[in-house]
Amino acid sequence: MKLAHTLWMGSVTLASLVASAQTTLPAVKVTAPAYSSQHGGYLISGDFKVDPRMPSVVFPAQALVKDDILSIEPIHLQDDEYLVLQECASADCHQASLVRIWKSDDIGGDNTRRNRVWITHENKYFIWLKRLPEVSGVSCGQGWFKFDATTTKCGGHFTSFQQITPPLMLIPNGDLAAFHQDAVQKAIQADPVQVARQAHEGSTYVVTYEGGSTVRIRRMHAANESRETEKSDAVESK
């Protein structure tokens, strides 16, 4: 009995010590999911990530749905880099469709509409960075390749691409691609640029690629489904 009493007293003492060491945490009211905020009737989310199995691909943690607005703001791109937004074009995603491309000479700057994409249907969307050969002066009108008044002006980048391709492939087409055919074919087979680091700054996802190019990404989901006018104002007309 004496031993049992001693063990019981020891248990009481230990429980008292544990209780005194515990910290009472203040109540926390969560008003939005992780990496999210609410502003102007929109739930703004930076909940994007990179799958370790695909270290070059950024995708939303939750699938984009109809009427979402995807904000993709390149802060800096190298001259030979193309930031690509694709969506699956088949159920198994063996084919993908090109949604939009950003280059160093048209990353938007103060024109935020250029950096916003209105999502018209739910699907799997993904973002990645590709390097293609630099366009030479000869191919920009100083040699056999000439532009007329109806042709897109050569600004040092490819401007025409194949719409449907396997995912993570960016295939330039047209005369400019033909002029650089060998270099283009080699670049097409090369892997996309890998992500060097990623971070969440409040409700903005910031991804930095190898080489230093940086992109800020957000998803805006209307809290009120009847915001058609505001969404039209927020996104560039197509």
C-alpha atoms as a PDB file:
ATOM      1  CA  MET A   1       0.000   0.000   0.000  1.00  0.00           C
ATOM      2  CA  LYS A   2       2.850   2.368   0.826  1.00  0.00           C
ATOM      3  CA  LEU A   3       4.347   1.769  -2.651  1.00  0.00           C
ATOM      4  CA  ALA A   4       0.999   2.377  -4.333  1.00  0.00           C
ATOM      5  CA  HIS A   5       0.537   5.594  -2.363  1.00  0.00           C
ATOM      6  CA  THR A   6       4.007   6.771  -3.370  1.00  0.00           C
ATOM      7  CA  LEU A   7       3.314   6.074  -7.078  1.00  0.00           C
ATOM      8  CA  TRP A   8      -0.013   7.898  -6.863  1.00  0.00           C
ATOM      9  CA  MET A   9       1.604  10.939  -5.260  1.00  0.00           C
ATOM     10  CA  GLY A  10       4.282  10.903  -7.943  1.00  0.00           C
ATOM     11  CA  SER A  11       1.655  10.843 -10.688  1.00  0.00           C
ATOM     12  CA  VAL A  12      -0.162  13.804  -9.123  1.00  0.00           C
ATOM     13  CA  THR A  13       3.078  15.783  -8.884  1.00  0.00           C
ATOM     14  CA  LEU A  14       3.999  15.009 -12.532  1.00  0.00           C
ATOM     15  CA  ALA A  15       0.545  16.020 -13.756  1.00  0.00           C
ATOM     16  CA  SER A  16       0.840  19.306 -11.848  1.00  0.00           C
ATOM     17  CA  LEU A  17       4.217  20.047 -13.425  1.00  0.00           C
ATOM     18  CA  VAL A  18       2.883  19.344 -16.955  1.00  0.00           C
ATOM     19  CA  ALA A  19      -0.166  21.535 -16.370  1.00  0.00           C
ATOM     20  CA  SER A  20       1.956  24.411 -15.098  1.00  0.00           C
ATOM     21  CA  ALA A  21       4.228  24.150 -18.178  1.00  0.00           C
ATOM     22  CA  GLN A  22       1.360  24.392 -20.684  1.00  0.00           C
ATOM     23  CA  THR A  23       0.696  27.683 -22.464  1.00  0.00           C
ATOM     24  CA  THR A  24      -2.832  28.919 -23.011  1.00  0.00           C
ATOM     25  CA  LEU A  25      -3.051  30.008 -26.654  1.00  0.00           C
ATOM     26  CA  PRO A  26      -5.282  32.943 -27.604  1.00  0.00           C
ATOM     27  CA  ALA A  27      -8.275  32.275 -29.816  1.00  0.00           C
ATOM     28  CA  VAL A  28      -7.522  32.752 -33.519  1.00  0.00           C
ATOM     29  CA  LYS A  29     -10.296  33.723 -35.932  1.00  0.00           C
ATOM     30  CA  VAL A  30      -9.572  32.485 -39.449  1.00  0.00           C
ATOM     31  CA  THR A  31     -11.363  34.600 -42.071  1.00  0.00           C
ATOM     32  CA  ALA A  32      -9.768  33.211 -45.252  1.00  0.00           C
ATOM     33  CA  PRO A  33      -7.897  30.094 -46.375  1.00  0.00           C
ATOM     34  CA  ALA A  34      -4.116  29.959 -46.117  1.00  0.00           C
ATOM     35  CA  TYR A  35      -2.251  32.533 -48.251  1.00  0.00           C
ATOM     36  CA  SER A  36      -5.527  34.353 -48.953  1.00  0.00           C
ATOM     37  CA  SER A  37      -7.187  37.680 -48.315  1.00  0.00           C
ATOM     38  CA  GLN A  38     -10.485  39.323 -49.203  1.00  0.00           C
ATOM     39  CA  HIS A  39     -10.666  42.620 -51.068  1.00  0.00           C
ATOM     40  CA  GLY A  40     -13.277  44.366 -53.170  1.00  0.00           C
ATOM     41  CA  GLY A  41     -15.611  41.397 -53.224  1.00  0.00           C
ATOM     42  CA  TYR A  42     -12.891  38.985 -54.318  1.00  0.00           C
ATOM     43  CA  LEU A  43     -11.156  36.206 -52.448  1.00  0.00           C
ATOM     44  CA  ILE A  44      -7.539  36.742 -53.481  1.00  0.00           C
ATOM     45  CA  SER A  45      -5.372  33.651 -53.158  1.00  0.00           C
ATOM     46  CA  GLY A  46      -1.687  32.923 -53.618  1.00  0.00           C
ATOM     47  CA  ASP A  47      -2.182  29.219 -52.965  1.00  0.00           C
ATOM     48  CA  PHE A  48       0.023  27.915 -55.777  1.00  0.00           C
ATOM     49  CA  LYS A  49       2.817  25.385 -55.561  1.00  0.00           C
ATOM     50  CA  VAL A  50       5.433  23.343 -57.401  1.00  0.00           C
ATOM     51  CA  ASP A  51       5.174  19.572 -57.467  1.00  0.00           C
ATOM     52  CA  PRO A  52       8.605  18.091 -56.575  1.00  0.00           C
ATOM     53  CA  ARG A  53       8.090  15.541 -59.359  1.00  0.00           C
ATOM     54  CA  MET A  54       7.824  18.431 -61.868  1.00  0.00           C
ATOM     55  CA  PRO A  55      10.264  21.074 -60.591  1.00  0.00           C
ATOM     56  CA  SER A  56       9.522  23.502 -63.418  1.00  0.00           C
ATOM     57  CA  VAL A  57       5.716  23.583 -63.206  1.00  0.00           C
ATOM     58  CA  VAL A  58       3.603  25.958 -61.084  1.00  0.00           C
ATOM     59  CA  PHE A  59      -0.053  25.089 -60.619  1.00  0.00           C
ATOM     60  CA  PRO A  60      -2.927  26.220 -58.360  1.00  0.00           C
ATOM     61  CA  ALA A  61      -3.469  24.123 -55.248  1.00  0.00           C
ATOM     62  CA  GLN A  62      -7.195  24.275 -56.028  1.00  0.00           C
ATOM     63  CA  ALA A  63      -8.425  23.959 -59.616  1.00  0.00           C
ATOM     64  CA  LEU A  64      -9.364  27.190 -61.352  1.00  0.00           C
ATOM     65  CA  VAL A  65     -13.071  27.453 -62.144  1.00  0.00           C
ATOM     66  CA  LYS A  66     -15.217  29.523 -64.486  1.00  0.00           C
ATOM     67  CA  ASP A  67     -15.031  33.289 -63.884  1.00  0.00           C
ATOM     68  CA  ASP A  68     -11.867  33.168 -61.803  1.00  0.00           C
ATOM     69  CA  ILE A  69      -9.296  35.810 -62.707  1.00  0.00           C
ATOM     70  CA  LEU A  70      -5.700  34.650 -62.834  1.00  0.00           C
ATOM     71  CA  SER A  71      -3.133  37.407 -62.295  1.00  0.00           C
ATOM     72  CA  ILE A  72       0.340  36.572 -63.615  1.00  0.00           C
ATOM     73  CA  GLU A  73       2.813  39.426 -63.209  1.00  0.00           C
ATOM     74  CA  PRO A  74       6.358  38.821 -64.462  1.00  0.00           C
ATOM     75  CA  ILE A  75       8.732  41.135 -62.597  1.00  0.00           C
ATOM     76  CA  HIS A  76      11.684  40.243 -64.793  1.00  0.00           C
ATOM     77  CA  LEU A  77      12.245  37.922 -67.752  1.00  0.00           C
ATOM     78  CA  GLN A  78      15.431  37.294 -69.721  1.00  0.00           C
ATOM     79  CA  ASP A  79      15.356  38.206 -73.422  1.00  0.00           C
ATOM     80  CA  ASP A  80      15.257  34.549 -74.472  1.00  0.00           C
ATOM     81  CA  GLU A  81      12.562  33.508 -71.982  1.00  0.00           C
ATOM     82  CA  TYR A  82       8.847  32.937 -72.541  1.00  0.00           C
ATOM     83  CA  LEU A  83       6.484  32.553 -69.589  1.00  0.00           C
ATOM     84  CA  VAL A  84       3.745  30.136 -70.631  1.00  0.00           C
ATOM     85  CA  LEU A  85       0.216  29.499 -69.364  1.00  0.00           C
ATOM     86  CA  GLN A  86      -1.240  26.249 -70.700  1.00  0.00           C
ATOM     87  CA  GLU A  87      -4.371  24.240 -69.992  1.00  0.00           C
ATOM     88  CA  CYS A  88      -5.114  20.575 -70.587  1.00  0.00           C
ATOM     89  CA  ALA A  89      -6.710  19.964 -73.982  1.00  0.00           C
ATOM     90  CA  SER A  90      -7.585  16.316 -73.346  1.00  0.00           C
ATOM     91  CA  ALA A  91      -8.918  14.367 -70.400  1.00  0.00           C
ATOM     92  CA  ASP A  92      -5.576  12.676 -69.777  1.00  0.00           C
ATOM     93  CA  CYS A  93      -3.681  15.940 -70.451  1.00  0.00           C
ATOM     94  CA  HIS A  94      -1.514  14.330 -73.112  1.00  0.00           C
ATOM     95  CA  GLN A  95      -2.352  17.407 -75.158  1.00  0.00           C
ATOM     96  CA  ALA A  96      -2.325  21.008 -73.939  1.00  0.00           C
ATOM     97  CA  SER A  97      -3.627  24.293 -75.298  1.00  0.00           C
ATOM     98  CA  LEU A  98      -1.730  27.569 -75.216  1.00  0.00           C
ATOM     99  CA  VAL A  99      -3.596  30.215 -73.182  1.00  0.00           C
ATOM    100  CA  ARG A 100      -1.119  33.111 -73.014  1.00  0.00           C
ATOM    101  CA  ILE A 101       2.583  33.931 -73.284  1.00  0.00           C
ATOM    102  CA  TRP A 102       4.595  36.715 -71.677  1.00  0.00           C
ATOM    103  CA  LYS A 103       7.936  37.985 -73.038  1.00  0.00           C
ATOM    104  CA  SER A 104      10.446  40.494 -71.715  1.00  0.00           C
ATOM    105  CA  ASP A 105       9.164  43.252 -74.026  1.00  0.00           C
ATOM    106  CA  ASP A 106       5.477  42.915 -73.100  1.00  0.00           C
ATOM    107  CA  ILE A 107       5.293  41.834 -69.478  1.00  0.00           C
ATOM    108  CA  GLY A 108       2.649  44.434 -68.743  1.00  0.00           C
ATOM    109  CA  GLY A 109       4.353  46.918 -66.433  1.00  0.00           C
ATOM    110  CA  ASP A 110       1.730  49.316 -65.140  1.00  0.00           C
ATOM    111  CA  ASN A 111      -0.934  47.805 -67.408  1.00  0.00           C
ATOM    112  CA  THR A 112      -2.358  45.280 -64.969  1.00  0.00           C
ATOM    113  CA  ARG A 113      -5.003  44.193 -67.488  1.00  0.00           C
ATOM    114  CA  ARG A 114      -2.262  42.654 -69.638  1.00  0.00           C
ATOM    115  CA  ASN A 115      -1.341  40.407 -66.736  1.00  0.00           C
ATOM    116  CA  ARG A 116      -4.858  39.143 -66.016  1.00  0.00           C
ATOM    117  CA  VAL A 117      -6.527  36.139 -67.590  1.00  0.00           C
ATOM    118  CA  TRP A 118     -10.266  35.587 -67.303  1.00  0.00           C
ATOM    119  CA  ILE A 119     -10.896  31.877 -66.819  1.00  0.00           C
ATOM    120  CA  THR A 120     -13.881  30.884 -68.961  1.00  0.00           C
ATOM    121  CA  HIS A 121     -14.136  27.230 -67.914  1.00  0.00           C
ATOM    122  CA  GLU A 122     -12.884  24.920 -65.190  1.00  0.00           C
ATOM    123  CA  ASN A 123      -9.778  22.990 -66.177  1.00  0.00           C
ATOM    124  CA  LYS A 124      -6.226  22.115 -65.201  1.00  0.00           C
ATOM    125  CA  TYR A 125      -3.972  25.136 -65.777  1.00  0.00           C
ATOM    126  CA  PHE A 126      -0.224  25.295 -65.298  1.00  0.00           C
ATOM    127  CA  ILE A 127       2.545  27.882 -65.625  1.00  0.00           C
ATOM    128  CA  TRP A 128       6.125  27.336 -66.751  1.00  0.00           C
ATOM    129  CA  LEU A 129       9.123  29.117 -68.254  1.00  0.00           C
ATOM    130  CA  LYS A 130      10.798  28.244 -71.551  1.00  0.00           C
ATOM    131  CA  ARG A 131      14.000  29.451 -73.207  1.00  0.00           C
ATOM    132  CA  LEU A 132      14.093  29.731 -77.002  1.00  0.00           C
ATOM    133  CA  PRO A 133      16.852  30.907 -79.375  1.00  0.00           C
ATOM    134  CA  GLU A 134      17.368  34.649 -79.573  1.00  0.00           C
ATOM    135  CA  VAL A 135      16.157  36.216 -82.812  1.00  0.00           C
ATOM    136  CA  SER A 136      19.066  37.530 -84.883  1.00  0.00           C
ATOM    137  CA  GLY A 137      19.221  40.793 -86.779  1.00  0.00           C
ATOM    138  CA  VAL A 138      19.341  38.958 -90.102  1.00  0.00           C
ATOM    139  CA  SER A 139      16.001  37.292 -89.390  1.00  0.00           C
ATOM    140  CA  CYS A 140      14.459  40.619 -88.335  1.00  0.00           C
ATOM    141  CA  GLY A 141      14.431  42.153 -91.811  1.00  0.00           C
ATOM    142  CA  GLN A 142      18.108  42.653 -92.638  1.00  0.00           C
ATOM    143  CA  GLY A 143      18.263  39.573 -94.875  1.00  0.00           C
ATOM    144  CA  TRP A 144      15.839  37.493 -96.908  1.00  0.00           C
ATOM    145  CA  PHE A 145      13.168  37.668 -94.175  1.00  0.00           C
ATOM    146  CA  LYS A 146      11.182  40.873 -94.880  1.00  0.00           C
ATOM    147  CA  PHE A 147       8.129  42.351 -93.166  1.00  0.00           C
ATOM    148  CA  ASP A 148       5.271  44.182 -94.857  1.00  0.00           C
ATOM    149  CA  ALA A 149       2.674  46.492 -93.331  1.00  0.00           C
ATOM    150  CA  THR A 150       0.451  43.607 -92.258  1.00  0.00           C
ATOM    151  CA  THR A 151       3.182  41.568 -90.592  1.00  0.00           C
ATOM    152  CA  THR A 152       3.904  41.673 -86.870  1.00  0.00           C
ATOM    153  CA  LYS A 153       6.952  43.806 -86.325  1.00  0.00           C
ATOM    154  CA  CYS A 154      10.037  41.891 -85.278  1.00  0.00           C
ATOM    155  CA  GLY A 155      10.899  42.841 -81.713  1.00  0.00           C
ATOM    156  CA  GLY A 156      13.504  40.190 -80.995  1.00  0.00           C
ATOM    157  CA  HIS A 157      11.039  37.427 -80.064  1.00  0.00           C
ATOM    158  CA  PHE A 158       8.979  34.727 -81.690  1.00  0.00           C
ATOM    159  CA  THR A 159       5.351  35.840 -81.883  1.00  0.00           C
ATOM    160  CA  SER A 160       3.561  32.881 -83.498  1.00  0.00           C
ATOM    161  CA  PHE A 161       3.212  29.467 -81.850  1.00  0.00           C
ATOM    162  CA  GLN A 162       1.472  26.145 -82.349  1.00  0.00           C
ATOM    163  CA  GLN A 163      -1.778  26.180 -80.355  1.00  0.00           C
ATOM    164  CA  ILE A 164      -2.102  22.478 -79.439  1.00  0.00           C
ATOM    165  CA  THR A 165       1.016  20.609 -78.323  1.00  0.00           C
ATOM    166  CA  PRO A 166       2.049  18.066 -75.728  1.00  0.00           C
ATOM    167  CA  PRO A 167       2.202  19.748 -72.289  1.00  0.00           C
ATOM    168  CA  LEU A 168       5.363  21.689 -71.486  1.00  0.00           C
ATOM    169  CA  MET A 169       6.185  22.194 -75.135  1.00  0.00           C
ATOM    170  CA  LEU A 170       6.319  25.602 -76.815  1.00  0.00           C
ATOM    171  CA  ILE A 171       6.687  25.334 -80.598  1.00  0.00           C
ATOM    172  CA  PRO A 172       7.242  28.532 -82.613  1.00  0.00           C
ATOM    173  CA  ASN A 173       5.963  28.507 -86.191  1.00  0.00           C
ATOM    174  CA  GLY A 174       6.046  30.737 -89.246  1.00  0.00           C
ATOM    175  CA  ASP A 175       8.945  32.163 -91.251  1.00  0.00           C
ATOM    176  CA  LEU A 176      10.889  33.312 -88.212  1.00  0.00           C
ATOM    177  CA  ALA A 177      10.903  29.810 -86.750  1.00  0.00           C
ATOM    178  CA  ALA A 178      11.886  28.388 -90.139  1.00  0.00           C
ATOM    179  CA  PHE A 179      14.865  30.740 -90.324  1.00  0.00           C
ATOM    180  CA  HIS A 180      16.080  29.423 -86.922  1.00  0.00           C
ATOM    181  CA  GLN A 181      14.940  25.862 -87.595  1.00  0.00           C
ATOM    182  CA  ASP A 182      17.938  23.960 -86.201  1.00  0.00           C
ATOM    183  CA  ALA A 183      18.203  26.016 -83.016  1.00  0.00           C
ATOM    184  CA  VAL A 184      14.423  25.932 -82.506  1.00  0.00           C
ATOM    185  CA  GLN A 185      14.251  22.141 -82.797  1.00  0.00           C
ATOM    186  CA  LYS A 186      17.020  21.777 -80.221  1.00  0.00           C
ATOM    187  CA  ALA A 187      15.327  24.211 -77.833  1.00  0.00           C
ATOM    188  CA  ILE A 188      11.952  22.473 -78.148  1.00  0.00           C
ATOM    189  CA  GLN A 189      13.455  19.236 -76.844  1.00  0.00           C
ATOM    190  CA  ALA A 190      15.132  20.939 -73.870  1.00  0.00           C
ATOM    191  CA  ASP A 191      13.427  20.926 -70.480  1.00  0.00           C
ATOM    192  CA  PRO A 192      11.647  24.026 -69.167  1.00  0.00           C
ATOM    193  CA  VAL A 193      13.491  26.238 -66.699  1.00  0.00           C
ATOM    194  CA  GLN A 194      13.387  24.850 -63.175  1.00  0.00           C
ATOM    195  CA  VAL A 195      12.047  26.762 -60.191  1.00  0.00           C
ATOM    196  CA  ALA A 196      14.848  27.923 -57.915  1.00  0.00           C
ATOM    197  CA  ARG A 197      12.678  29.070 -55.006  1.00  0.00           C
ATOM    198  CA  GLN A 198       9.107  29.904 -54.108  1.00  0.00           C
ATOM    199  CA  ALA A 199       7.488  31.961 -51.368  1.00  0.00           C
ATOM    200  CA  HIS A 200       4.116  33.291 -50.224  1.00  0.00           C
ATOM    201  CA  GLU A 201       3.956  37.041 -49.592  1.00  0.00           C
ATOM    202  CA  GLY A 202       0.552  37.373 -48.009  1.00  0.00           C
ATOM    203  CA  SER A 203      -1.951  36.466 -50.713  1.00  0.00           C
ATOM    204  CA  THR A 204       0.654  36.591 -53.505  1.00  0.00           C
ATOM    205  CA  TYR A 205       2.713  33.617 -54.667  1.00  0.00           C
ATOM    206  CA  VAL A 206       6.229  34.570 -55.763  1.00  0.00           C
ATOM    207  CA  VAL A 207       8.221  32.145 -57.876  1.00  0.00           C
ATOM    208  CA  THR A 208      11.862  32.630 -58.918  1.00  0.00           C
ATOM    209  CA  TYR A 209      13.342  30.535 -61.706  1.00  0.00           C
ATOM    210  CA  GLU A 210      16.938  29.487 -62.255  1.00  0.00           C
ATOM    211  CA  GLY A 211      18.623  32.518 -63.770  1.00  0.00           C
ATOM    212  CA  GLY A 212      16.724  34.992 -61.585  1.00  0.00           C
ATOM    213  CA  SER A 213      13.462  35.614 -63.462  1.00  0.00           C
ATOM    214  CA  THR A 214      10.659  36.318 -60.988  1.00  0.00           C
ATOM    215  CA  VAL A 215       6.885  36.109 -61.323  1.00  0.00           C
ATOM    216  CA  ARG A 216       4.082  37.104 -58.943  1.00  0.00           C
ATOM    217  CA  ILE A 217       0.881  35.049 -59.196  1.00  0.00           C
ATOM    218  CA  ARG A 218      -2.566  35.445 -57.652  1.00  0.00           C
ATOM    219  CA  ARG A 219      -5.994  33.944 -58.144  1.00  0.00           C
ATOM    220  CA  MET A 220      -9.081  36.150 -57.753  1.00  0.00           C
ATOM    221  CA  HIS A 221     -12.401  34.439 -57.136  1.00  0.00           C
ATOM    222  CA  ALA A 222     -15.536  36.578 -57.000  1.00  0.00           C
ATOM    223  CA  ALA A 223     -17.280  36.327 -53.638  1.00  0.00           C
ATOM    224  CA  ASN A 224     -20.456  37.546 -55.353  1.00  0.00           C
ATOM    225  CA  GLU A 225     -21.266  35.552 -58.502  1.00  0.00           C
ATOM    226  CA  SER A 226     -23.069  38.534 -60.098  1.00  0.00           C
ATOM    227  CA  ARG A 227     -19.960  40.687 -60.692  1.00  0.00           C
ATOM    228  CA  GLU A 228     -19.963  40.442 -64.496  1.00  0.00           C
ATOM    229  CA  THR A 229     -19.455  44.171 -65.035  1.00  0.00           C
ATOM    230  CA  GLU A 230     -16.520  44.443 -62.656  1.00  0.00           C
ATOM    231  CA  LYS A 231     -14.859  41.380 -64.167  1.00  0.00           C
ATOM    232  CA  SER A 232     -15.199  42.860 -67.643  1.00  0.00           C
ATOM    233  CA  ASP A 233     -13.481  46.012 -66.409  1.00  0.00           C
ATOM    234  CA  ALA A 234     -10.742  44.033 -64.652  1.00  0.00           C
ATOM    235  CA  VAL A 235      -9.704  41.891 -67.612  1.00  0.00           C
ATOM    236  CA  GLU A 236      -8.608  43.072 -71.022  1.00  0.00           C
ATOM    237  CA  SER A 237     -11.119  42.516 -73.780  1.00  0.00           C
ATOM    238  CA  LYS A 238     -10.211  39.822 -76.249  1.00  0.00           C
END
